[in-house]
Amino acid sequence: MKIPEKIGKYEVISCVGRGSMGIVYACHDPFADRKVAIKVCSIVDENQSQASRLAKKLFFNEAHTTGALDHPSILSVLDAGEDADQPYIVLEFIDGGDTLKRYIDKENLLSIDRTVEILFQCAKALDYANRRGVIHRDIKATNILLTADGRVKICDFGIAQYSSSDQTQVMGLLGSPRYMSPEQAREEDVTGQTDLYSLGVVAYELLTGEAPFAANGLSKLINQILHEDPTPVGDLRPDVPEQLAQIVAKAMSKQLDARYQSGQEMAVDLANVFSSLVEPASPAPAEDKFNTVRELPFFNEFTDDEVAEVLDAAEWKQYQSLDSVVDEGNLEHSFFIIVSGDVAVVKAAKQISTLTKGDCFGEMSYVTKTQRSASIVAIDDVELLRVDAALMEQASTATQLRFNQIFLRTLIERLTNTSEELARYVA
């Protein structure tokens, strides 16, 4: 098939993939001067057959649902249109990425902690979408991209639906059978819990390299999904922590009231597992921790109850001199408060500032959900309070607002200091 020179205003660079319903091209956006991916509908005919009409509906459904979402772990839809009666969608271009299909092979499984990080990002992204009324309905390993730097991008919202909408949407027994929830198999109404069930199946595959259900024929597979229990994760991979195996089982519960109610709830449990996977330093007694944190200037305006909430969402960390604490470019859902010692802020291999006891760092990435803009290296032995984003979101509104006030004040102070340094340099 000949590659077109242009699709709409976009200049075609190359063909990067083909699927059953579309072709994906790498293109150049001449107006924004950026590389984009364009998915073109390949099932289009002059007679407007049923397959052609469905394909068009799926394309525009994806553009409509995903276009309303803006989350770092959801592949962005930038534009959509038709060229010579062929629908197309313009997506952000992911260079060097791959889908999770590569990692559900027994010979190529990821480490447990890396798997938990990926599932955490997925759960947060689905929570975001579900809270905005969007249900993906086709979560599977091939619809989750992993970028070259380890970030998750959920894609292909073609059969997604709004939980409440007056518009005619793509309905019926759709989705990939292996990942279908019991309610999908029964062709019942679905909610965000359907996406969490499918994420549970992805988790099962990532941890074991096997599908929870496998049968010859759709009817047998549906019967298994409705009536049988999968082999426990721990039986297939004994090194999986019991707490993580329970998360997978809960996500895949056949009963909605026993399944996770939201992606946020699942993310909190995953965050707890991740903390336990990292070997903790010898913990200080709870009372000593409270007294130490209470004396930090950072917490001057916090009540005792709010400090206690922070400690519930935090992990006590220790680093030795020259240890790397945070790497520039990483995407991490946490921020840090220095309990003792000093750290260096390093950007492009150059130290730009020093932070000390009572200072915080990582707050901008936490608030904006973006990559770390600088590296942090321990100057001497340091103790840090690492506060997890998912756990912090379970704290009271008062505590969260208190942090936001301090983060805003910190940002203003740092901008003021930067302006003074620039003025001194110019002078």
Protein backbone atom coordinates (compact mmCIF):
# COMPACT_ATOMS: atom_id res chain seq x y z
CA MET A 1 0.00 0.00 0.00
CA LYS A 2 1.36 3.39 -0.99
CA ILE A 3 2.11 5.76 1.87
CA PRO A 4 0.34 9.13 1.42
CA GLU A 5 2.39 12.32 1.38
CA LYS A 6 -0.05 14.18 3.62
CA ILE A 7 -3.03 13.48 5.85
CA GLY A 8 -4.94 16.71 6.22
CA LYS A 9 -2.36 19.34 7.11
CA TYR A 10 0.08 16.73 8.46
CA GLU A 11 3.16 15.59 6.52
CA VAL A 12 3.60 11.81 6.58
CA ILE A 13 7.04 10.53 7.61
CA SER A 14 6.52 6.77 7.73
CA CYS A 15 4.10 3.96 8.53
CA VAL A 16 4.72 2.71 12.07
CA GLY A 17 1.97 0.15 12.56
CA ARG A 18 -1.09 -1.63 11.18
CA GLY A 19 -4.09 -3.05 12.95
CA SER A 20 -7.39 -4.69 12.06
CA MET A 21 -9.15 -1.33 11.82
CA GLY A 22 -6.47 1.24 11.16
CA ILE A 23 -3.00 2.23 10.05
CA VAL A 24 -0.72 4.39 12.19
CA TYR A 25 1.67 6.89 10.61
CA ALA A 26 4.43 8.99 12.09
CA CYS A 27 3.79 12.54 10.85
CA HIS A 28 5.02 16.09 11.22
CA ASP A 29 2.69 18.85 12.37
CA PRO A 30 3.96 21.90 10.44
CA PHE A 31 2.02 24.39 12.56
CA ALA A 32 3.13 23.15 15.99
CA ASP A 33 6.47 21.88 14.59
CA ARG A 34 6.24 18.55 16.37
CA LYS A 35 6.10 14.86 15.61
CA VAL A 36 2.67 13.24 15.98
CA ALA A 37 1.09 9.84 15.41
CA ILE A 38 -1.95 9.64 13.13
CA LYS A 39 -4.29 6.67 13.15
CA VAL A 40 -6.26 6.38 9.91
CA CYS A 41 -9.40 4.26 9.63
CA SER A 42 -8.77 1.53 7.04
CA ILE A 43 -12.30 0.06 6.98
CA VAL A 44 -14.07 2.57 4.77
CA ASP A 45 -16.07 1.79 1.64
CA GLU A 46 -18.28 3.76 -0.70
CA ASN A 47 -21.35 1.66 0.15
CA GLN A 48 -21.12 2.54 3.85
CA SER A 49 -21.29 -1.09 4.98
CA GLN A 50 -22.05 -1.97 8.60
CA ALA A 51 -18.34 -2.60 9.24
CA SER A 52 -17.47 0.78 7.73
CA ARG A 53 -20.07 2.62 9.81
CA LEU A 54 -18.91 0.87 13.00
CA ALA A 55 -15.26 1.68 12.25
CA LYS A 56 -16.10 5.36 11.80
CA LYS A 57 -18.11 5.35 15.00
CA LEU A 58 -15.22 3.81 16.93
CA PHE A 59 -12.80 6.41 15.57
CA PHE A 60 -14.91 9.40 16.43
CA ASN A 61 -15.87 7.86 19.77
CA GLU A 62 -12.17 7.66 20.67
CA ALA A 63 -11.62 11.27 19.61
CA HIS A 64 -14.62 12.43 21.63
CA THR A 65 -13.91 10.53 24.86
CA THR A 66 -10.12 10.84 24.98
CA GLY A 67 -10.20 14.44 23.80
CA ALA A 68 -12.00 15.33 27.03
CA LEU A 69 -9.21 13.80 29.15
CA ASP A 70 -5.89 15.37 30.13
CA HIS A 71 -3.75 13.05 32.24
CA PRO A 72 -0.03 12.18 32.01
CA SER A 73 -0.82 8.44 31.89
CA ILE A 74 -3.44 8.68 29.12
CA LEU A 75 -2.32 9.03 25.50
CA SER A 76 -3.43 12.48 24.34
CA VAL A 77 -5.70 13.05 21.35
CA LEU A 78 -4.55 16.26 19.66
CA ASP A 79 -6.87 16.51 16.66
CA ALA A 80 -9.31 14.54 14.50
CA GLY A 81 -10.83 14.85 11.06
CA GLU A 82 -11.48 13.23 7.70
CA ASP A 83 -9.31 13.17 4.60
CA ALA A 84 -10.82 11.76 1.38
CA ASP A 85 -13.66 10.33 3.48
CA GLN A 86 -11.18 8.50 5.72
CA PRO A 87 -11.47 9.37 9.44
CA TYR A 88 -8.22 9.99 11.28
CA ILE A 89 -7.12 10.78 14.83
CA VAL A 90 -3.98 12.72 15.71
CA LEU A 91 -2.23 11.41 18.84
CA GLU A 92 0.86 12.35 20.81
CA PHE A 93 3.87 10.47 19.45
CA ILE A 94 5.61 8.02 21.78
CA ASP A 95 9.18 7.44 20.65
CA GLY A 96 10.79 4.15 21.62
CA GLY A 97 7.81 2.86 23.59
CA ASP A 98 6.26 -0.59 23.67
CA THR A 99 3.03 -2.13 24.93
CA LEU A 100 2.78 -4.32 28.01
CA LYS A 101 2.23 -7.33 25.74
CA ARG A 102 6.01 -7.68 25.69
CA TYR A 103 6.05 -8.24 29.45
CA ILE A 104 3.28 -10.84 29.87
CA ASP A 105 5.63 -13.53 28.58
CA LYS A 106 7.03 -15.89 31.24
CA GLU A 107 10.50 -15.38 29.77
CA ASN A 108 10.31 -11.59 29.97
CA LEU A 109 8.51 -10.71 33.21
CA LEU A 110 9.27 -7.40 34.91
CA SER A 111 10.43 -7.17 38.51
CA ILE A 112 7.65 -7.11 41.07
CA ASP A 113 8.37 -3.53 42.19
CA ARG A 114 8.39 -2.32 38.55
CA THR A 115 5.09 -4.09 37.94
CA VAL A 116 3.56 -2.42 40.99
CA GLU A 117 4.71 1.00 39.73
CA ILE A 118 3.05 0.38 36.36
CA LEU A 119 -0.20 -0.83 37.93
CA PHE A 120 -0.21 2.20 40.24
CA GLN A 121 0.02 4.59 37.28
CA CYS A 122 -2.76 2.69 35.49
CA ALA A 123 -5.04 2.75 38.54
CA LYS A 124 -4.54 6.51 38.95
CA ALA A 125 -5.25 7.14 35.26
CA LEU A 126 -8.41 5.03 35.32
CA ASP A 127 -9.56 6.77 38.49
CA TYR A 128 -9.13 10.10 36.68
CA ALA A 129 -11.09 8.92 33.63
CA ASN A 130 -13.82 7.18 35.63
CA ARG A 131 -14.37 10.25 37.82
CA ARG A 132 -15.00 12.20 34.63
CA GLY A 133 -17.56 9.66 33.51
CA VAL A 134 -15.38 7.86 30.95
CA ILE A 135 -15.26 4.05 31.06
CA HIS A 136 -12.57 2.55 28.81
CA ARG A 137 -14.15 -0.95 28.47
CA ASP A 138 -11.12 -2.44 26.69
CA ILE A 139 -8.23 -2.35 29.15
CA LYS A 140 -5.67 -4.97 28.11
CA ALA A 141 -1.90 -5.36 27.82
CA THR A 142 -1.81 -4.16 24.21
CA ASN A 143 -3.72 -0.98 25.09
CA ILE A 144 -1.18 0.11 27.71
CA LEU A 145 2.01 1.69 26.39
CA LEU A 146 5.24 1.96 28.35
CA THR A 147 7.45 4.82 27.22
CA ALA A 148 11.23 4.57 26.94
CA ASP A 149 11.56 6.35 30.30
CA GLY A 150 9.07 4.07 32.05
CA ARG A 151 5.86 6.11 31.97
CA VAL A 152 2.47 4.53 31.36
CA LYS A 153 0.18 5.69 28.53
CA ILE A 154 -3.28 4.13 28.33
CA CYS A 155 -4.56 4.25 24.76
CA ASP A 156 -7.36 3.13 22.41
CA PHE A 157 -10.58 4.51 23.87
CA GLY A 158 -12.46 3.39 20.74
CA ILE A 159 -15.21 1.53 22.61
CA ALA A 160 -15.16 3.78 25.67
CA GLN A 161 -18.45 5.18 26.89
CA TYR A 162 -19.65 7.93 29.19
CA SER A 163 -21.38 6.63 32.30
CA SER A 164 -24.22 9.10 31.68
CA SER A 165 -24.79 10.49 28.22
CA ASP A 166 -27.63 11.27 25.85
CA GLN A 167 -25.44 10.44 22.85
CA THR A 168 -25.68 7.15 20.98
CA GLN A 169 -22.54 5.21 21.80
CA VAL A 170 -20.88 1.95 20.83
CA MET A 171 -22.68 -0.71 22.84
CA GLY A 172 -22.95 -4.50 23.00
CA LEU A 173 -20.53 -7.34 23.70
CA LEU A 174 -17.35 -5.44 22.87
CA GLY A 175 -13.90 -5.62 24.35
CA SER A 176 -11.24 -8.33 24.31
CA PRO A 177 -12.80 -11.57 25.63
CA ARG A 178 -9.79 -12.55 27.79
CA TYR A 179 -10.06 -9.29 29.74
CA MET A 180 -13.85 -9.00 29.96
CA SER A 181 -15.47 -8.57 33.35
CA PRO A 182 -18.42 -10.77 34.38
CA GLU A 183 -20.82 -7.87 33.82
CA GLN A 184 -19.44 -7.35 30.30
CA ALA A 185 -19.81 -11.06 29.59
CA ARG A 186 -23.47 -10.82 30.64
CA GLU A 187 -23.88 -7.67 28.50
CA GLU A 188 -24.97 -5.71 31.57
CA ASP A 189 -24.39 -2.03 32.30
CA VAL A 190 -20.77 -1.30 33.14
CA THR A 191 -19.08 1.16 35.50
CA GLY A 192 -15.51 2.12 36.26
CA GLN A 193 -15.22 -1.13 38.22
CA THR A 194 -15.22 -2.93 34.87
CA ASP A 195 -11.94 -1.21 33.97
CA LEU A 196 -10.47 -2.22 37.34
CA TYR A 197 -11.41 -5.86 36.72
CA SER A 198 -9.59 -5.74 33.38
CA LEU A 199 -6.60 -4.07 35.06
CA GLY A 200 -6.63 -6.98 37.51
CA VAL A 201 -6.33 -9.36 34.55
CA VAL A 202 -3.39 -7.32 33.23
CA ALA A 203 -1.79 -7.47 36.70
CA TYR A 204 -2.27 -11.26 36.78
CA GLU A 205 -0.56 -11.60 33.40
CA LEU A 206 2.33 -9.27 34.29
CA LEU A 207 3.04 -11.18 37.49
CA THR A 208 2.62 -14.76 36.21
CA GLY A 209 3.03 -14.71 32.44
CA GLU A 210 -0.27 -16.57 32.16
CA ALA A 211 -3.87 -15.57 31.49
CA PRO A 212 -6.24 -16.16 34.43
CA PHE A 213 -8.71 -17.87 32.11
CA ALA A 214 -8.01 -19.75 28.90
CA ALA A 215 -10.46 -21.84 26.90
CA ASN A 216 -11.14 -23.00 23.37
CA GLY A 217 -14.12 -20.98 22.26
CA LEU A 218 -15.86 -17.86 23.48
CA SER A 219 -18.70 -19.63 25.29
CA LYS A 220 -16.30 -21.72 27.38
CA LEU A 221 -14.20 -18.65 28.19
CA ILE A 222 -17.28 -16.69 29.29
CA ASN A 223 -18.35 -19.62 31.48
CA GLN A 224 -14.94 -19.53 33.21
CA ILE A 225 -15.13 -15.77 33.72
CA LEU A 226 -18.61 -16.09 35.24
CA HIS A 227 -18.20 -19.21 37.36
CA GLU A 228 -14.58 -20.24 37.93
CA ASP A 229 -11.71 -18.85 40.01
CA PRO A 230 -8.25 -18.44 38.48
CA THR A 231 -5.21 -20.20 39.91
CA PRO A 232 -3.92 -17.99 42.77
CA VAL A 233 -1.05 -15.72 41.71
CA GLY A 234 1.15 -17.04 44.53
CA ASP A 235 0.85 -20.61 43.23
CA LEU A 236 2.31 -19.55 39.89
CA ARG A 237 4.91 -17.13 41.25
CA PRO A 238 5.74 -17.79 44.91
CA ASP A 239 7.83 -14.62 45.34
CA VAL A 240 4.79 -12.37 44.84
CA PRO A 241 3.90 -10.82 48.23
CA GLU A 242 0.59 -12.04 49.64
CA GLN A 243 -0.65 -8.44 49.92
CA LEU A 244 -0.09 -7.94 46.17
CA ALA A 245 -1.79 -11.25 45.33
CA GLN A 246 -4.79 -10.08 47.37
CA ILE A 247 -4.92 -6.82 45.39
CA VAL A 248 -5.11 -8.79 42.12
CA ALA A 249 -7.81 -11.06 43.55
CA LYS A 250 -9.83 -8.09 44.80
CA ALA A 251 -9.59 -6.30 41.45
CA MET A 252 -10.85 -9.48 39.73
CA SER A 253 -13.68 -10.20 42.14
CA LYS A 254 -16.82 -11.36 40.34
CA GLN A 255 -18.96 -9.49 42.88
CA LEU A 256 -19.01 -5.71 42.44
CA ASP A 257 -19.36 -5.02 46.15
CA ALA A 258 -16.18 -7.04 46.83
CA ARG A 259 -14.22 -5.44 43.99
CA TYR A 260 -12.34 -2.14 44.26
CA GLN A 261 -14.82 0.72 44.16
CA SER A 262 -12.39 3.15 42.54
CA GLY A 263 -8.95 3.35 40.97
CA GLN A 264 -7.86 5.54 43.86
CA GLU A 265 -8.69 2.79 46.36
CA MET A 266 -6.62 0.33 44.34
CA ALA A 267 -3.76 2.84 43.98
CA VAL A 268 -3.57 3.27 47.76
CA ASP A 269 -3.14 -0.48 48.28
CA LEU A 270 -0.51 -0.63 45.53
CA ALA A 271 1.39 2.26 47.14
CA ASN A 272 1.43 0.37 50.44
CA VAL A 273 2.81 -2.73 48.72
CA PHE A 274 5.50 -0.70 46.96
CA SER A 275 6.65 0.78 50.28
CA SER A 276 6.99 -2.71 51.75
CA LEU A 277 9.01 -3.93 48.75
CA VAL A 278 11.75 -1.37 49.38
CA GLU A 279 13.81 -2.53 52.34
CA PRO A 280 13.08 0.00 55.09
CA ALA A 281 15.70 1.54 57.33
CA SER A 282 15.52 0.69 61.01
CA PRO A 283 12.38 2.55 62.02
CA ALA A 284 12.38 5.05 64.82
CA PRO A 285 9.66 4.60 67.44
CA ALA A 286 6.39 6.31 66.46
CA GLU A 287 6.59 8.81 69.33
CA ASP A 288 10.16 9.77 68.41
CA LYS A 289 9.14 10.27 64.78
CA PHE A 290 6.23 12.48 65.77
CA ASN A 291 8.36 14.64 68.06
CA THR A 292 11.11 15.00 65.44
CA VAL A 293 8.69 16.01 62.69
CA ARG A 294 6.72 18.29 65.00
CA GLU A 295 9.87 20.39 65.54
CA LEU A 296 10.55 20.95 61.83
CA PRO A 297 9.77 24.53 60.65
CA PHE A 298 7.88 23.02 57.70
CA PHE A 299 5.15 21.83 60.09
CA ASN A 300 4.83 24.99 62.21
CA GLU A 301 1.28 25.65 61.00
CA PHE A 302 0.09 22.02 61.20
CA THR A 303 -2.02 20.76 64.08
CA ASP A 304 -0.93 17.61 65.91
CA ASP A 305 -3.70 15.64 64.18
CA GLU A 306 -2.52 16.86 60.78
CA VAL A 307 1.08 15.87 61.54
CA ALA A 308 -0.19 12.42 62.52
CA GLU A 309 -2.02 12.18 59.18
CA VAL A 310 1.17 13.06 57.34
CA LEU A 311 3.11 10.35 59.17
CA ASP A 312 0.44 7.81 58.19
CA ALA A 313 1.03 8.70 54.52
CA ALA A 314 4.82 8.92 54.79
CA GLU A 315 7.84 6.66 54.81
CA TRP A 316 10.99 7.33 56.83
CA LYS A 317 14.04 7.15 54.52
CA GLN A 318 17.79 7.29 55.19
CA TYR A 319 20.55 8.00 52.68
CA GLN A 320 24.33 8.12 52.92
CA SER A 321 26.61 10.79 51.50
CA LEU A 322 26.55 10.93 47.66
CA ASP A 323 23.51 8.63 47.43
CA SER A 324 21.07 9.56 44.67
CA VAL A 325 17.65 10.38 46.14
CA VAL A 326 15.78 11.56 43.03
CA ASP A 327 16.81 11.32 39.38
CA GLU A 328 16.07 14.11 36.91
CA GLY A 329 13.41 13.09 34.39
CA ASN A 330 11.79 10.42 36.54
CA LEU A 331 8.03 10.41 37.07
CA GLU A 332 7.40 9.79 40.76
CA HIS A 333 4.22 10.35 42.73
CA SER A 334 5.75 11.62 45.98
CA PHE A 335 7.51 14.54 47.62
CA PHE A 336 10.13 14.76 50.37
CA ILE A 337 10.76 16.76 53.55
CA ILE A 338 14.29 16.86 54.97
CA VAL A 339 14.38 15.69 58.60
CA SER A 340 18.16 16.00 59.00
CA GLY A 341 21.21 16.58 56.81
CA ASP A 342 21.74 18.47 53.53
CA VAL A 343 21.06 17.58 49.89
CA ALA A 344 22.27 19.06 46.61
CA VAL A 345 19.92 20.05 43.79
CA VAL A 346 21.60 19.03 40.54
CA LYS A 347 20.47 19.91 37.01
CA ALA A 348 22.35 18.87 33.87
CA ALA A 349 25.22 17.57 36.05
CA LYS A 350 25.64 20.97 37.76
CA GLN A 351 24.77 21.74 41.39
CA ILE A 352 22.39 24.69 41.45
CA SER A 353 21.44 24.88 45.14
CA THR A 354 21.49 23.20 48.55
CA LEU A 355 18.52 22.24 50.71
CA THR A 356 18.68 21.56 54.42
CA LYS A 357 16.65 20.44 57.46
CA GLY A 358 12.99 21.46 57.17
CA ASP A 359 13.12 22.10 53.40
CA CYS A 360 10.97 20.18 50.93
CA PHE A 361 11.62 18.99 47.39
CA GLY A 362 9.68 17.14 44.70
CA GLU A 363 6.54 19.16 45.44
CA MET A 364 6.21 20.57 41.91
CA SER A 365 6.27 17.12 40.29
CA TYR A 366 3.77 16.00 42.92
CA VAL A 367 1.37 18.86 42.20
CA THR A 368 1.73 18.93 38.40
CA LYS A 369 2.22 15.16 37.94
CA THR A 370 5.19 15.80 35.66
CA GLN A 371 8.74 14.49 35.48
CA ARG A 372 11.36 15.53 38.00
CA SER A 373 13.04 18.72 36.80
CA ALA A 374 16.28 18.11 38.75
CA SER A 375 18.23 15.41 40.57
CA ILE A 376 18.69 15.34 44.34
CA VAL A 377 21.92 13.95 45.85
CA ALA A 378 22.73 13.52 49.55
CA ILE A 379 25.64 15.76 50.63
CA ASP A 380 26.02 13.98 53.97
CA ASP A 381 23.96 11.39 55.82
CA VAL A 382 20.33 12.48 55.57
CA GLU A 383 16.95 11.45 56.93
CA LEU A 384 13.90 12.19 54.81
CA LEU A 385 10.16 11.95 55.06
CA ARG A 386 8.83 10.56 51.76
CA VAL A 387 5.12 11.38 51.36
CA ASP A 388 3.22 9.27 48.85
CA ALA A 389 0.70 11.05 46.62
CA ALA A 390 -1.95 8.33 46.63
CA LEU A 391 -1.89 8.01 50.41
CA MET A 392 -1.88 11.79 50.84
CA GLU A 393 -5.07 12.03 48.80
CA GLN A 394 -6.76 10.01 51.54
CA ALA A 395 -5.86 12.65 54.13
CA SER A 396 -8.33 15.27 55.30
CA THR A 397 -9.06 18.29 53.12
CA ALA A 398 -7.53 20.53 55.80
CA THR A 399 -4.21 18.67 55.67
CA GLN A 400 -4.10 18.72 51.88
CA LEU A 401 -4.87 22.45 51.81
CA ARG A 402 -2.14 23.05 54.39
CA PHE A 403 0.40 21.39 52.07
CA ASN A 404 -0.81 23.37 49.07
CA GLN A 405 -0.38 26.64 50.99
CA ILE A 406 3.17 25.72 51.96
CA PHE A 407 4.02 24.56 48.44
CA LEU A 408 2.76 27.87 47.02
CA ARG A 409 4.77 29.84 49.57
CA THR A 410 7.87 27.74 48.81
CA LEU A 411 7.47 28.35 45.09
CA ILE A 412 7.16 32.11 45.62
CA GLU A 413 10.28 32.15 47.84
CA ARG A 414 12.30 30.19 45.29
CA LEU A 415 11.17 32.39 42.41
CA THR A 416 12.07 35.48 44.45
CA ASN A 417 15.54 34.07 45.20
CA THR A 418 16.02 33.21 41.53
CA SER A 419 15.03 36.74 40.49
CA GLU A 420 17.50 38.23 42.98
CA GLU A 421 20.28 35.99 41.66
CA LEU A 422 19.50 37.00 38.09
CA ALA A 423 19.44 40.68 39.05
CA ARG A 424 22.82 40.31 40.75
CA TYR A 425 24.22 38.56 37.68
CA VAL A 426 22.90 41.22 35.29
CA ALA A 427 24.20 43.99 37.51
